[in-house]
Amino acid sequence: MFEGLPRSEIEYLIEEWCVDMTHAERNRLIMKRRHIDGLTYEKLGEEFELSTIQVKNIVRQCNERLKGKTV
């Protein structure tokens, strides 16, 4: 999804568009850990004490918000 974008731009997009949702701060952290740090869904689940399915749903929902967004 963010191929070729610098880290700063990815962080900006996540901060700008992953808002106005339940647990927005947690979701932004999950997105950064997934897309910038490359953690697996399983590792994210352990880190945030969520199931793998919950993490996948959060990432999917945030990705939907980010589709087509550019700086």
PDB file of N, CA and C in Angstrom:
ATOM      1  N   MET A   1       0.802  -1.194   0.000  1.00  0.00           N
ATOM      2  CA  MET A   1       0.000   0.000   0.000  1.00  0.00           C
ATOM      3  C   MET A   1       0.851   1.267   0.000  1.00  0.00           C
ATOM      4  N   PHE A   2       1.959   1.273   0.717  1.00  0.00           N
ATOM      5  CA  PHE A   2       2.803   2.457   0.831  1.00  0.00           C
ATOM      6  C   PHE A   2       4.148   2.299   0.121  1.00  0.00           C
ATOM      7  N   GLU A   3       4.193   1.454  -0.881  1.00  0.00           N
ATOM      8  CA  GLU A   3       5.449   1.179  -1.561  1.00  0.00           C
ATOM      9  C   GLU A   3       6.066   2.470  -2.090  1.00  0.00           C
ATOM     10  N   GLY A   4       7.333   2.656  -1.781  1.00  0.00           N
ATOM     11  CA  GLY A   4       8.078   3.796  -2.296  1.00  0.00           C
ATOM     12  C   GLY A   4       7.909   5.093  -1.524  1.00  0.00           C
ATOM     13  N   LEU A   5       7.036   5.120  -0.527  1.00  0.00           N
ATOM     14  CA  LEU A   5       6.844   6.340   0.252  1.00  0.00           C
ATOM     15  C   LEU A   5       7.831   6.381   1.415  1.00  0.00           C
ATOM     16  N   PRO A   6       8.345   7.558   1.714  1.00  0.00           N
ATOM     17  CA  PRO A   6       9.233   7.665   2.874  1.00  0.00           C
ATOM     18  C   PRO A   6       8.443   7.498   4.178  1.00  0.00           C
ATOM     19  N   ARG A   7       9.158   7.118   5.204  1.00  0.00           N
ATOM     20  CA  ARG A   7       8.554   6.885   6.517  1.00  0.00           C
ATOM     21  C   ARG A   7       7.738   8.086   6.992  1.00  0.00           C
ATOM     22  N   SER A   8       8.277   9.284   6.810  1.00  0.00           N
ATOM     23  CA  SER A   8       7.590  10.490   7.278  1.00  0.00           C
ATOM     24  C   SER A   8       6.239  10.670   6.595  1.00  0.00           C
ATOM     25  N   GLU A   9       6.150  10.333   5.325  1.00  0.00           N
ATOM     26  CA  GLU A   9       4.891  10.467   4.599  1.00  0.00           C
ATOM     27  C   GLU A   9       3.874   9.415   5.059  1.00  0.00           C
ATOM     28  N   ILE A  10       4.357   8.208   5.306  1.00  0.00           N
ATOM     29  CA  ILE A  10       3.471   7.151   5.813  1.00  0.00           C
ATOM     30  C   ILE A  10       2.916   7.556   7.170  1.00  0.00           C
ATOM     31  N   GLU A  11       3.784   8.046   8.046  1.00  0.00           N
ATOM     32  CA  GLU A  11       3.342   8.475   9.371  1.00  0.00           C
ATOM     33  C   GLU A  11       2.321   9.607   9.255  1.00  0.00           C
ATOM     34  N   TYR A  12       2.571  10.557   8.358  1.00  0.00           N
ATOM     35  CA  TYR A  12       1.639  11.665   8.174  1.00  0.00           C
ATOM     36  C   TYR A  12       0.266  11.154   7.736  1.00  0.00           C
ATOM     37  N   LEU A  13       0.245  10.279   6.756  1.00  0.00           N
ATOM     38  CA  LEU A  13      -1.023   9.752   6.255  1.00  0.00           C
ATOM     39  C   LEU A  13      -1.801   9.024   7.347  1.00  0.00           C
ATOM     40  N   ILE A  14      -1.097   8.209   8.121  1.00  0.00           N
ATOM     41  CA  ILE A  14      -1.753   7.479   9.207  1.00  0.00           C
ATOM     42  C   ILE A  14      -2.307   8.457  10.244  1.00  0.00           C
ATOM     43  N   GLU A  15      -1.509   9.441  10.642  1.00  0.00           N
ATOM     44  CA  GLU A  15      -1.959  10.417  11.637  1.00  0.00           C
ATOM     45  C   GLU A  15      -3.136  11.245  11.125  1.00  0.00           C
ATOM     46  N   GLU A  16      -3.120  11.580   9.856  1.00  0.00           N
ATOM     47  CA  GLU A  16      -4.139  12.449   9.277  1.00  0.00           C
ATOM     48  C   GLU A  16      -5.465  11.735   9.035  1.00  0.00           C
ATOM     49  N   TRP A  17      -5.424  10.470   8.630  1.00  0.00           N
ATOM     50  CA  TRP A  17      -6.636   9.802   8.164  1.00  0.00           C
ATOM     51  C   TRP A  17      -7.173   8.723   9.090  1.00  0.00           C
ATOM     52  N   CYS A  18      -6.404   8.245  10.023  1.00  0.00           N
ATOM     53  CA  CYS A  18      -6.897   7.223  10.957  1.00  0.00           C
ATOM     54  C   CYS A  18      -7.362   7.902  12.239  1.00  0.00           C
ATOM     55  N   VAL A  19      -8.402   8.704  12.098  1.00  0.00           N
ATOM     56  CA  VAL A  19      -8.978   9.454  13.211  1.00  0.00           C
ATOM     57  C   VAL A  19     -10.485   9.226  13.210  1.00  0.00           C
ATOM     58  N   ASP A  20     -11.163   9.826  14.159  1.00  0.00           N
ATOM     59  CA  ASP A  20     -12.621   9.742  14.245  1.00  0.00           C
ATOM     60  C   ASP A  20     -13.123   8.304  14.249  1.00  0.00           C
ATOM     61  N   MET A  21     -12.434   7.458  14.965  1.00  0.00           N
ATOM     62  CA  MET A  21     -12.858   6.079  15.121  1.00  0.00           C
ATOM     63  C   MET A  21     -12.593   5.655  16.557  1.00  0.00           C
ATOM     64  N   THR A  22     -13.285   4.624  16.993  1.00  0.00           N
ATOM     65  CA  THR A  22     -13.061   4.105  18.329  1.00  0.00           C
ATOM     66  C   THR A  22     -11.609   3.658  18.448  1.00  0.00           C
ATOM     67  N   HIS A  23     -10.961   4.001  19.530  1.00  0.00           N
ATOM     68  CA  HIS A  23      -9.570   3.617  19.798  1.00  0.00           C
ATOM     69  C   HIS A  23      -8.625   4.131  18.712  1.00  0.00           C
ATOM     70  N   ALA A  24      -8.821   5.363  18.270  1.00  0.00           N
ATOM     71  CA  ALA A  24      -8.031   5.924  17.174  1.00  0.00           C
ATOM     72  C   ALA A  24      -6.527   5.904  17.456  1.00  0.00           C
ATOM     73  N   GLU A  25      -6.123   6.285  18.654  1.00  0.00           N
ATOM     74  CA  GLU A  25      -4.691   6.320  18.970  1.00  0.00           C
ATOM     75  C   GLU A  25      -4.084   4.921  18.886  1.00  0.00           C
ATOM     76  N   ARG A  26      -4.757   3.949  19.476  1.00  0.00           N
ATOM     77  CA  ARG A  26      -4.277   2.566  19.401  1.00  0.00           C
ATOM     78  C   ARG A  26      -4.199   2.113  17.948  1.00  0.00           C
ATOM     79  N   ASN A  27      -5.219   2.427  17.168  1.00  0.00           N
ATOM     80  CA  ASN A  27      -5.249   2.009  15.768  1.00  0.00           C
ATOM     81  C   ASN A  27      -4.120   2.639  14.971  1.00  0.00           C
ATOM     82  N   ARG A  28      -3.810   3.900  15.253  1.00  0.00           N
ATOM     83  CA  ARG A  28      -2.681   4.539  14.560  1.00  0.00           C
ATOM     84  C   ARG A  28      -1.375   3.846  14.917  1.00  0.00           C
ATOM     85  N   LEU A  29      -1.222   3.493  16.188  1.00  0.00           N
ATOM     86  CA  LEU A  29      -0.004   2.778  16.599  1.00  0.00           C
ATOM     87  C   LEU A  29       0.084   1.415  15.901  1.00  0.00           C
ATOM     88  N   ILE A  30      -1.024   0.721  15.824  1.00  0.00           N
ATOM     89  CA  ILE A  30      -1.037  -0.575  15.131  1.00  0.00           C
ATOM     90  C   ILE A  30      -0.636  -0.392  13.674  1.00  0.00           C
ATOM     91  N   MET A  31      -1.200   0.618  13.018  1.00  0.00           N
ATOM     92  CA  MET A  31      -0.876   0.859  11.607  1.00  0.00           C
ATOM     93  C   MET A  31       0.603   1.186  11.412  1.00  0.00           C
ATOM     94  N   LYS A  32       1.160   1.988  12.292  1.00  0.00           N
ATOM     95  CA  LYS A  32       2.584   2.315  12.186  1.00  0.00           C
ATOM     96  C   LYS A  32       3.441   1.078  12.394  1.00  0.00           C
ATOM     97  N   ARG A  33       3.101   0.292  13.413  1.00  0.00           N
ATOM     98  CA  ARG A  33       3.879  -0.920  13.686  1.00  0.00           C
ATOM     99  C   ARG A  33       3.774  -1.906  12.524  1.00  0.00           C
ATOM    100  N   ARG A  34       2.631  -1.952  11.868  1.00  0.00           N
ATOM    101  CA  ARG A  34       2.423  -2.873  10.744  1.00  0.00           C
ATOM    102  C   ARG A  34       3.130  -2.368   9.483  1.00  0.00           C
ATOM    103  N   HIS A  35       2.875  -1.123   9.107  1.00  0.00           N
ATOM    104  CA  HIS A  35       3.357  -0.623   7.827  1.00  0.00           C
ATOM    105  C   HIS A  35       4.770  -0.047   7.867  1.00  0.00           C
ATOM    106  N   ILE A  36       5.211   0.425   9.001  1.00  0.00           N
ATOM    107  CA  ILE A  36       6.562   0.986   9.082  1.00  0.00           C
ATOM    108  C   ILE A  36       7.539  -0.037   9.654  1.00  0.00           C
ATOM    109  N   ASP A  37       7.137  -0.682  10.743  1.00  0.00           N
ATOM    110  CA  ASP A  37       8.032  -1.634  11.404  1.00  0.00           C
ATOM    111  C   ASP A  37       7.902  -3.054  10.873  1.00  0.00           C
ATOM    112  N   GLY A  38       6.826  -3.331  10.123  1.00  0.00           N
ATOM    113  CA  GLY A  38       6.670  -4.628   9.478  1.00  0.00           C
ATOM    114  C   GLY A  38       6.257  -5.772  10.383  1.00  0.00           C
ATOM    115  N   LEU A  39       5.649  -5.474  11.528  1.00  0.00           N
ATOM    116  CA  LEU A  39       5.224  -6.552  12.416  1.00  0.00           C
ATOM    117  C   LEU A  39       4.091  -7.365  11.800  1.00  0.00           C
ATOM    118  N   THR A  40       4.046  -8.628  12.134  1.00  0.00           N
ATOM    119  CA  THR A  40       2.975  -9.502  11.660  1.00  0.00           C
ATOM    120  C   THR A  40       1.711  -9.227  12.465  1.00  0.00           C
ATOM    121  N   TYR A  41       0.592  -9.697  11.945  1.00  0.00           N
ATOM    122  CA  TYR A  41      -0.676  -9.561  12.667  1.00  0.00           C
ATOM    123  C   TYR A  41      -0.596 -10.268  14.012  1.00  0.00           C
ATOM    124  N   GLU A  42       0.067 -11.409  14.041  1.00  0.00           N
ATOM    125  CA  GLU A  42       0.184 -12.179  15.277  1.00  0.00           C
ATOM    126  C   GLU A  42       0.977 -11.406  16.328  1.00  0.00           C
ATOM    127  N   LYS A  43       2.100 -10.819  15.927  1.00  0.00           N
ATOM    128  CA  LYS A  43       2.929 -10.048  16.864  1.00  0.00           C
ATOM    129  C   LYS A  43       2.178  -8.815  17.356  1.00  0.00           C
ATOM    130  N   LEU A  44       1.440  -8.177  16.450  1.00  0.00           N
ATOM    131  CA  LEU A  44       0.642  -7.019  16.850  1.00  0.00           C
ATOM    132  C   LEU A  44      -0.432  -7.418  17.855  1.00  0.00           C
ATOM    133  N   GLY A  45      -1.056  -8.558  17.629  1.00  0.00           N
ATOM    134  CA  GLY A  45      -2.055  -9.053  18.565  1.00  0.00           C
ATOM    135  C   GLY A  45      -1.478  -9.246  19.946  1.00  0.00           C
ATOM    136  N   GLU A  46      -0.295  -9.824  20.015  1.00  0.00           N
ATOM    137  CA  GLU A  46       0.369 -10.020  21.305  1.00  0.00           C
ATOM    138  C   GLU A  46       0.696  -8.679  21.951  1.00  0.00           C
ATOM    139  N   GLU A  47       1.252  -7.772  21.172  1.00  0.00           N
ATOM    140  CA  GLU A  47       1.663  -6.471  21.701  1.00  0.00           C
ATOM    141  C   GLU A  47       0.485  -5.654  22.239  1.00  0.00           C
ATOM    142  N   PHE A  48      -0.639  -5.690  21.523  1.00  0.00           N
ATOM    143  CA  PHE A  48      -1.792  -4.873  21.895  1.00  0.00           C
ATOM    144  C   PHE A  48      -2.883  -5.668  22.610  1.00  0.00           C
ATOM    145  N   GLU A  49      -2.579  -6.927  22.925  1.00  0.00           N
ATOM    146  CA  GLU A  49      -3.513  -7.814  23.625  1.00  0.00           C
ATOM    147  C   GLU A  49      -4.851  -7.912  22.896  1.00  0.00           C
ATOM    148  N   LEU A  50      -4.760  -8.188  21.596  1.00  0.00           N
ATOM    149  CA  LEU A  50      -5.920  -8.370  20.729  1.00  0.00           C
ATOM    150  C   LEU A  50      -5.755  -9.682  19.988  1.00  0.00           C
ATOM    151  N   SER A  51      -6.856 -10.207  19.453  1.00  0.00           N
ATOM    152  CA  SER A  51      -6.744 -11.402  18.626  1.00  0.00           C
ATOM    153  C   SER A  51      -6.197 -11.006  17.249  1.00  0.00           C
ATOM    154  N   THR A  52      -5.669 -11.981  16.552  1.00  0.00           N
ATOM    155  CA  THR A  52      -5.174 -11.748  15.193  1.00  0.00           C
ATOM    156  C   THR A  52      -6.293 -11.219  14.301  1.00  0.00           C
ATOM    157  N   ILE A  53      -7.480 -11.756  14.458  1.00  0.00           N
ATOM    158  CA  ILE A  53      -8.624 -11.309  13.649  1.00  0.00           C
ATOM    159  C   ILE A  53      -8.953  -9.846  13.956  1.00  0.00           C
ATOM    160  N   GLN A  54      -8.915  -9.453  15.214  1.00  0.00           N
ATOM    161  CA  GLN A  54      -9.171  -8.059  15.567  1.00  0.00           C
ATOM    162  C   GLN A  54      -8.142  -7.128  14.917  1.00  0.00           C
ATOM    163  N   VAL A  55      -6.880  -7.528  14.954  1.00  0.00           N
ATOM    164  CA  VAL A  55      -5.824  -6.716  14.352  1.00  0.00           C
ATOM    165  C   VAL A  55      -6.035  -6.611  12.843  1.00  0.00           C
ATOM    166  N   LYS A  56      -6.349  -7.719  12.198  1.00  0.00           N
ATOM    167  CA  LYS A  56      -6.589  -7.689  10.758  1.00  0.00           C
ATOM    168  C   LYS A  56      -7.751  -6.760  10.419  1.00  0.00           C
ATOM    169  N   ASN A  57      -8.802  -6.780  11.219  1.00  0.00           N
ATOM    170  CA  ASN A  57      -9.949  -5.905  10.985  1.00  0.00           C
ATOM    171  C   ASN A  57      -9.573  -4.432  11.148  1.00  0.00           C
ATOM    172  N   ILE A  58      -8.784  -4.122  12.153  1.00  0.00           N
ATOM    173  CA  ILE A  58      -8.337  -2.747  12.375  1.00  0.00           C
ATOM    174  C   ILE A  58      -7.509  -2.270  11.194  1.00  0.00           C
ATOM    175  N   VAL A  59      -6.558  -3.093  10.760  1.00  0.00           N
ATOM    176  CA  VAL A  59      -5.702  -2.722   9.626  1.00  0.00           C
ATOM    177  C   VAL A  59      -6.544  -2.555   8.359  1.00  0.00           C
ATOM    178  N   ARG A  60      -7.495  -3.450   8.147  1.00  0.00           N
ATOM    179  CA  ARG A  60      -8.355  -3.351   6.962  1.00  0.00           C
ATOM    180  C   ARG A  60      -9.164  -2.061   6.981  1.00  0.00           C
ATOM    181  N   GLN A  61      -9.758  -1.744   8.123  1.00  0.00           N
ATOM    182  CA  GLN A  61     -10.566  -0.527   8.238  1.00  0.00           C
ATOM    183  C   GLN A  61      -9.721   0.726   8.009  1.00  0.00           C
ATOM    184  N   CYS A  62      -8.551   0.750   8.588  1.00  0.00           N
ATOM    185  CA  CYS A  62      -7.669   1.909   8.401  1.00  0.00           C
ATOM    186  C   CYS A  62      -7.175   1.993   6.960  1.00  0.00           C
ATOM    187  N   ASN A  63      -6.847   0.859   6.366  1.00  0.00           N
ATOM    188  CA  ASN A  63      -6.406   0.858   4.980  1.00  0.00           C
ATOM    189  C   ASN A  63      -7.489   1.401   4.061  1.00  0.00           C
ATOM    190  N   GLU A  64      -8.753   1.081   4.355  1.00  0.00           N
ATOM    191  CA  GLU A  64      -9.867   1.602   3.550  1.00  0.00           C
ATOM    192  C   GLU A  64      -9.899   3.131   3.604  1.00  0.00           C
ATOM    193  N   ARG A  65      -9.650   3.682   4.785  1.00  0.00           N
ATOM    194  CA  ARG A  65      -9.625   5.139   4.932  1.00  0.00           C
ATOM    195  C   ARG A  65      -8.455   5.757   4.168  1.00  0.00           C
ATOM    196  N   LEU A  66      -7.359   4.999   4.048  1.00  0.00           N
ATOM    197  CA  LEU A  66      -6.146   5.537   3.434  1.00  0.00           C
ATOM    198  C   LEU A  66      -6.068   5.354   1.927  1.00  0.00           C
ATOM    199  N   LYS A  67      -6.936   4.528   1.364  1.00  0.00           N
ATOM    200  CA  LYS A  67      -6.881   4.262  -0.075  1.00  0.00           C
ATOM    201  C   LYS A  67      -6.987   5.556  -0.872  1.00  0.00           C
ATOM    202  N   GLY A  68      -6.032   5.757  -1.758  1.00  0.00           N
ATOM    203  CA  GLY A  68      -6.048   6.908  -2.642  1.00  0.00           C
ATOM    204  C   GLY A  68      -5.593   8.207  -2.031  1.00  0.00           C
ATOM    205  N   LYS A  69      -5.171   8.191  -0.774  1.00  0.00           N
ATOM    206  CA  LYS A  69      -4.700   9.412  -0.117  1.00  0.00           C
ATOM    207  C   LYS A  69      -3.232   9.622  -0.427  1.00  0.00           C
ATOM    208  N   THR A  70      -2.870  10.836  -0.730  1.00  0.00           N
ATOM    209  CA  THR A  70      -1.472  11.186  -0.935  1.00  0.00           C
ATOM    210  C   THR A  70      -1.190  12.505  -0.250  1.00  0.00           C
ATOM    211  N   VAL A  71       0.071  12.769  -0.012  1.00  0.00           N
ATOM    212  CA  VAL A  71       0.470  14.028   0.624  1.00  0.00           C
ATOM    213  C   VAL A  71       0.613  15.081  -0.445  1.00  0.00           C
TER     214      VAL A  71
END
